[in-house]
């Protein structure tokens, strides 16, 4: 309710709401599919309060290639429409989120965007070789353009897992979804299949220390000004010791034990991402 939280539309709104004792709620969209084939729809969602837009999700769409589509690349990066969408986001001050996007799509975005880019929930490929994570060359390029990598706590992207049929099982489900009309009946079937897959291939035993390794690697490569937190708790994220928001103090304590300062922690816990948002607001127009 409005006593406990408030809609935040600018970078300045977050600190203001905090000073009022309320939670700041920033609205984002993961997967640009709802835009349809019209980049002008970005403005409609912006008018409704959206301030960050994720290009894609588990599969390619009309905007960009995904890092996990079993059929591989469709556009070789951003599509022509994706470039229009990126330009419209920049015009409106909407933060562009490249999590889930392919390497080529991220490269395109870094080349054409006039504003910094965020990866809202990704990891470091040098620590865990997973397609959802990014390599050091992209970390450096992201930092050079003022962007931020927010570290994901999805176990399969935090620690390596054996290839025990997991990837093939996921790919089979994704291929069924790719061109399907998602009726309630099909949605129920897919949901049951996914639950069976989760039971057969449980998440690897990732820990808070494993997660911290991603943070410290990202800081070593990109610098403290370009790293944040994006645990993806609502999408399967969570490791031992960091399974929900009430566990956040565990992460802060772990970093303090490693010598982190309060200034560094303030940057990690939102300061860097708010800086990107301010930069996007300034680049608008």
Protein backbone atom coordinates (compact mmCIF):
# COMPACT_ATOMS: atom_id res chain seq x y z
CA UNK A 1 0.00 0.00 0.00
CA UNK A 2 0.97 3.65 -0.37
CA UNK A 3 2.00 3.87 3.28
CA UNK A 4 4.67 1.22 2.78
CA UNK A 5 5.78 1.80 -0.80
CA UNK A 6 5.56 4.13 -3.77
CA UNK A 7 5.99 4.04 -7.54
CA UNK A 8 9.41 5.37 -8.54
CA UNK A 9 9.69 7.01 -11.96
CA UNK A 10 13.10 8.69 -11.72
CA UNK A 11 16.44 7.91 -10.12
CA UNK A 12 15.73 10.65 -7.57
CA UNK A 13 12.50 8.97 -6.48
CA UNK A 14 14.30 6.03 -4.86
CA UNK A 15 16.25 8.04 -2.27
CA UNK A 16 13.21 10.27 -1.69
CA UNK A 17 10.94 7.33 -0.92
CA UNK A 18 13.59 5.81 1.32
CA UNK A 19 13.81 9.08 3.26
CA UNK A 20 10.04 8.90 3.71
CA UNK A 21 10.35 5.40 5.17
CA UNK A 22 8.80 3.72 2.13
CA UNK A 23 9.95 1.13 -0.40
CA UNK A 24 10.63 2.36 -3.93
CA UNK A 25 9.01 0.28 -6.70
CA UNK A 26 10.60 0.56 -10.15
CA UNK A 27 8.71 -1.13 -12.99
CA UNK A 28 10.52 -3.13 -15.66
CA UNK A 29 9.59 -5.59 -18.39
CA UNK A 30 11.54 -8.79 -18.94
CA UNK A 31 11.24 -9.77 -22.63
CA UNK A 32 10.22 -7.18 -25.23
CA UNK A 33 7.69 -9.54 -26.83
CA UNK A 34 4.72 -7.44 -25.54
CA UNK A 35 5.87 -4.57 -27.78
CA UNK A 36 4.68 -6.51 -30.81
CA UNK A 37 6.13 -5.13 -34.05
CA UNK A 38 5.88 -1.43 -33.19
CA UNK A 39 8.76 0.38 -31.46
CA UNK A 40 6.26 3.14 -30.72
CA UNK A 41 4.76 0.91 -28.06
CA UNK A 42 7.77 1.65 -25.86
CA UNK A 43 6.23 5.07 -25.23
CA UNK A 44 2.94 3.48 -24.15
CA UNK A 45 4.65 1.30 -21.56
CA UNK A 46 6.80 4.25 -20.47
CA UNK A 47 3.61 6.23 -19.84
CA UNK A 48 2.43 3.37 -17.60
CA UNK A 49 5.60 3.63 -15.52
CA UNK A 50 8.08 1.23 -17.15
CA UNK A 51 11.65 2.43 -16.65
CA UNK A 52 13.69 -0.64 -17.71
CA UNK A 53 13.19 -2.97 -20.67
CA UNK A 54 14.75 -6.41 -21.07
CA UNK A 55 15.31 -7.23 -24.73
CA UNK A 56 14.55 -10.94 -24.67
CA UNK A 57 14.11 -14.00 -22.49
CA UNK A 58 14.74 -17.73 -22.99
CA UNK A 59 13.93 -17.66 -26.71
CA UNK A 60 14.63 -15.32 -29.62
CA UNK A 61 11.95 -12.73 -30.32
CA UNK A 62 11.34 -9.99 -32.88
CA UNK A 63 13.75 -7.69 -31.02
CA UNK A 64 16.89 -9.75 -30.46
CA UNK A 65 18.49 -13.16 -30.18
CA UNK A 66 18.44 -14.96 -26.84
CA UNK A 67 21.49 -16.62 -25.32
CA UNK A 68 19.53 -19.85 -24.74
CA UNK A 69 17.34 -20.46 -27.79
CA UNK A 70 17.95 -24.12 -28.78
CA UNK A 71 17.67 -23.22 -32.47
CA UNK A 72 20.51 -20.72 -32.29
CA UNK A 73 20.64 -17.17 -33.63
CA UNK A 74 17.85 -15.75 -35.76
CA UNK A 75 19.07 -12.16 -36.22
CA UNK A 76 22.78 -12.33 -35.51
CA UNK A 77 22.25 -9.89 -32.62
CA UNK A 78 19.64 -7.14 -32.59
CA UNK A 79 16.98 -7.20 -35.28
CA UNK A 80 16.21 -4.01 -37.27
CA UNK A 81 13.19 -3.57 -35.00
CA UNK A 82 15.45 -4.11 -31.99
CA UNK A 83 17.61 -1.20 -33.07
CA UNK A 84 14.50 0.97 -33.32
CA UNK A 85 13.40 -0.15 -29.86
CA UNK A 86 16.82 0.63 -28.41
CA UNK A 87 16.75 4.12 -29.93
CA UNK A 88 13.24 4.74 -28.59
CA UNK A 89 14.27 3.61 -25.10
CA UNK A 90 17.20 6.00 -25.18
CA UNK A 91 14.95 8.83 -26.34
CA UNK A 92 12.61 8.23 -23.39
CA UNK A 93 15.28 7.56 -20.77
CA UNK A 94 14.35 3.88 -20.38
CA UNK A 95 17.21 1.69 -19.14
CA UNK A 96 18.07 -1.12 -21.58
CA UNK A 97 18.56 -4.54 -19.98
CA UNK A 98 20.62 -7.11 -21.90
CA UNK A 99 20.23 -10.07 -19.53
CA UNK A 100 19.21 -13.17 -21.49
CA UNK A 101 20.41 -11.56 -24.75
CA UNK A 102 23.02 -13.29 -26.89
CA UNK A 103 26.61 -12.10 -27.00
CA UNK A 104 26.00 -10.62 -30.45
CA UNK A 105 22.90 -8.75 -29.25
CA UNK A 106 24.83 -7.34 -26.28
CA UNK A 107 27.65 -6.31 -28.60
CA UNK A 108 25.20 -4.52 -30.90
CA UNK A 109 23.56 -2.77 -27.96
CA UNK A 110 26.86 -1.55 -26.55
CA UNK A 111 27.82 -0.23 -29.98
CA UNK A 112 24.63 1.73 -30.70
CA UNK A 113 23.36 2.91 -27.32
CA UNK A 114 24.05 6.51 -26.31
CA UNK A 115 23.35 5.59 -22.68
CA UNK A 116 24.78 2.96 -20.31
CA UNK A 117 23.35 -0.56 -20.41
CA UNK A 118 22.42 -2.89 -17.54
CA UNK A 119 22.44 -6.67 -17.27
CA UNK A 120 19.89 -7.02 -14.50
CA UNK A 121 20.51 -10.68 -13.60
CA UNK A 122 23.52 -12.31 -15.24
CA UNK A 123 26.85 -13.71 -14.09
CA UNK A 124 30.53 -14.11 -14.94
CA UNK A 125 31.35 -16.72 -17.57
CA UNK A 126 34.93 -16.96 -16.29
CA UNK A 127 33.54 -18.27 -12.99
CA UNK A 128 30.74 -20.43 -14.45
CA UNK A 129 30.62 -21.19 -18.17
CA UNK A 130 26.89 -20.77 -18.76
CA UNK A 131 25.31 -19.01 -21.77
CA UNK A 132 23.39 -16.67 -19.44
CA UNK A 133 26.70 -15.30 -18.16
CA UNK A 134 29.02 -12.86 -19.92
CA UNK A 135 32.72 -13.01 -20.68
CA UNK A 136 35.38 -10.67 -19.38
CA UNK A 137 35.60 -8.82 -22.70
CA UNK A 138 31.94 -7.84 -22.36
CA UNK A 139 32.44 -6.91 -18.71
CA UNK A 140 35.18 -4.50 -19.73
CA UNK A 141 33.12 -3.09 -22.61
CA UNK A 142 30.10 -2.69 -20.33
CA UNK A 143 32.18 -0.78 -17.79
CA UNK A 144 33.80 1.40 -20.46
CA UNK A 145 30.32 2.60 -21.41
CA UNK A 146 29.24 3.19 -17.82
CA UNK A 147 27.02 0.12 -17.48
CA UNK A 148 26.35 -2.30 -14.63
CA UNK A 149 26.31 -6.09 -14.29
CA UNK A 150 23.91 -7.23 -11.57
CA UNK A 151 24.84 -10.72 -10.40
CA UNK A 152 22.31 -13.53 -10.69
CA UNK A 153 21.88 -16.16 -7.94
CA UNK A 154 20.41 -18.83 -10.25
CA UNK A 155 22.35 -21.94 -9.11
CA UNK A 156 23.04 -23.33 -12.61
CA UNK A 157 24.59 -19.98 -13.55
CA UNK A 158 26.57 -19.71 -10.30
CA UNK A 159 28.39 -23.07 -10.31
CA UNK A 160 29.14 -25.48 -13.18
CA UNK A 161 26.82 -28.48 -13.46
CA UNK A 162 27.48 -31.85 -15.12
CA UNK A 163 25.85 -32.43 -18.48
CA UNK A 164 23.48 -35.13 -17.28
CA UNK A 165 20.62 -34.55 -19.70
CA UNK A 166 19.58 -31.27 -18.10
CA UNK A 167 20.26 -29.12 -21.18
CA UNK A 168 18.48 -31.50 -23.54
CA UNK A 169 15.45 -31.60 -21.26
CA UNK A 170 15.25 -27.80 -21.08
CA UNK A 171 15.76 -27.49 -24.84
CA UNK A 172 12.89 -29.88 -25.53
CA UNK A 173 10.54 -27.76 -23.41
CA UNK A 174 11.72 -24.51 -24.99
CA UNK A 175 11.27 -25.88 -28.50
CA UNK A 176 7.68 -26.79 -27.70
CA UNK A 177 7.06 -23.26 -26.47
CA UNK A 178 8.81 -21.45 -29.31
CA UNK A 179 6.08 -21.47 -31.93
CA UNK A 180 3.15 -22.63 -29.82
CA UNK A 181 -0.07 -20.83 -29.03
CA UNK A 182 0.11 -20.91 -25.25
CA UNK A 183 -3.39 -22.02 -24.31
CA UNK A 184 -4.25 -22.69 -20.64
CA UNK A 185 -4.20 -26.41 -21.43
CA UNK A 186 -0.71 -26.31 -22.97
CA UNK A 187 0.51 -24.08 -20.16
CA UNK A 188 -0.61 -26.71 -17.63
CA UNK A 189 1.16 -29.48 -19.58
CA UNK A 190 4.40 -27.48 -19.83
CA UNK A 191 4.18 -26.61 -16.14
CA UNK A 192 3.93 -30.31 -15.24
CA UNK A 193 6.83 -31.18 -17.55
CA UNK A 194 8.96 -28.44 -16.02
CA UNK A 195 8.23 -29.70 -12.51
CA UNK A 196 9.25 -33.23 -13.52
CA UNK A 197 12.44 -31.82 -15.02
CA UNK A 198 13.19 -29.93 -11.81
CA UNK A 199 12.69 -33.11 -9.77
CA UNK A 200 14.92 -35.16 -12.07
CA UNK A 201 17.65 -32.53 -12.35
CA UNK A 202 17.73 -30.60 -9.05
CA UNK A 203 19.74 -27.42 -8.80
CA UNK A 204 23.44 -27.86 -7.98
CA UNK A 205 24.49 -27.13 -4.37
CA UNK A 206 25.58 -23.52 -4.87
CA UNK A 207 26.48 -21.47 -1.79
CA UNK A 208 26.81 -17.86 -0.75
CA UNK A 209 30.59 -18.14 -1.15
CA UNK A 210 30.10 -19.31 -4.74
CA UNK A 211 27.92 -16.26 -5.39
CA UNK A 212 30.48 -13.94 -3.82
CA UNK A 213 33.08 -15.31 -6.24
CA UNK A 214 31.04 -13.86 -9.11
CA UNK A 215 30.83 -10.49 -7.36
CA UNK A 216 34.54 -10.32 -6.65
CA UNK A 217 35.46 -11.44 -10.17
CA UNK A 218 33.19 -8.78 -11.69
CA UNK A 219 34.72 -6.12 -9.44
CA UNK A 220 38.24 -7.23 -10.38
CA UNK A 221 37.47 -6.99 -14.10
CA UNK A 222 34.98 -4.11 -14.36
CA UNK A 223 35.57 -2.12 -11.17
CA UNK A 224 33.36 -1.49 -8.14
CA UNK A 225 31.34 1.17 -10.00
CA UNK A 226 29.94 -1.38 -12.45
CA UNK A 227 28.61 -4.23 -10.30
CA UNK A 228 25.24 -4.75 -8.59
CA UNK A 229 22.86 -7.38 -7.22
CA UNK A 230 20.09 -9.09 -9.22
CA UNK A 231 19.34 -12.42 -7.53
CA UNK A 232 16.33 -13.41 -9.69
CA UNK A 233 14.51 -14.91 -6.69
CA UNK A 234 11.24 -14.97 -8.65
CA UNK A 235 12.88 -16.87 -11.53
CA UNK A 236 14.59 -19.72 -9.70
CA UNK A 237 17.43 -17.76 -8.10
CA UNK A 238 18.75 -18.54 -4.65
CA UNK A 239 21.80 -20.27 -3.17
CA UNK A 240 22.48 -21.66 0.29
CA UNK A 241 22.64 -18.65 2.59
CA UNK A 242 20.98 -16.36 0.06
CA UNK A 243 17.56 -17.77 -0.78
CA UNK A 244 15.32 -14.73 -0.30
CA UNK A 245 15.47 -11.03 0.47
CA UNK A 246 15.58 -11.64 4.22
CA UNK A 247 18.99 -13.26 3.60
CA UNK A 248 20.50 -10.08 2.15
CA UNK A 249 22.26 -9.26 5.45
CA UNK A 250 24.19 -12.54 5.05
CA UNK A 251 25.68 -11.21 1.81
CA UNK A 252 26.54 -7.84 3.33
CA UNK A 253 28.21 -9.57 6.29
CA UNK A 254 30.21 -11.84 3.97
CA UNK A 255 31.50 -8.85 2.01
CA UNK A 256 32.35 -6.92 5.17
CA UNK A 257 34.44 -9.88 6.31
CA UNK A 258 36.29 -9.62 3.01
CA UNK A 259 37.14 -5.98 3.67
CA UNK A 260 34.43 -4.18 1.75
CA UNK A 261 33.75 -0.62 2.85
CA UNK A 262 30.36 0.97 3.42
CA UNK A 263 30.98 3.12 0.34
CA UNK A 264 31.58 0.03 -1.79
CA UNK A 265 28.48 -1.67 -0.39
CA UNK A 266 26.32 1.37 -1.13
CA UNK A 267 27.41 1.21 -4.76
CA UNK A 268 26.71 -2.53 -4.98
CA UNK A 269 23.30 -2.28 -3.25
CA UNK A 270 21.71 0.01 -5.81
CA UNK A 271 23.95 3.04 -6.05
CA UNK A 272 25.54 1.95 -9.31
CA UNK A 273 22.21 1.11 -10.92
CA UNK A 274 20.70 4.44 -9.87
CA UNK A 275 23.71 6.13 -11.49
CA UNK A 276 22.90 4.33 -14.74
CA UNK A 277 19.29 5.43 -14.46
CA UNK A 278 20.37 9.05 -13.99
CA UNK A 279 22.64 8.76 -17.04
CA UNK A 280 19.75 7.39 -19.11
CA UNK A 281 17.54 10.26 -17.96
CA UNK A 282 20.24 12.74 -18.99
CA UNK A 283 20.66 11.08 -22.40
CA UNK A 284 16.92 11.24 -23.11
CA UNK A 285 15.52 13.52 -25.75
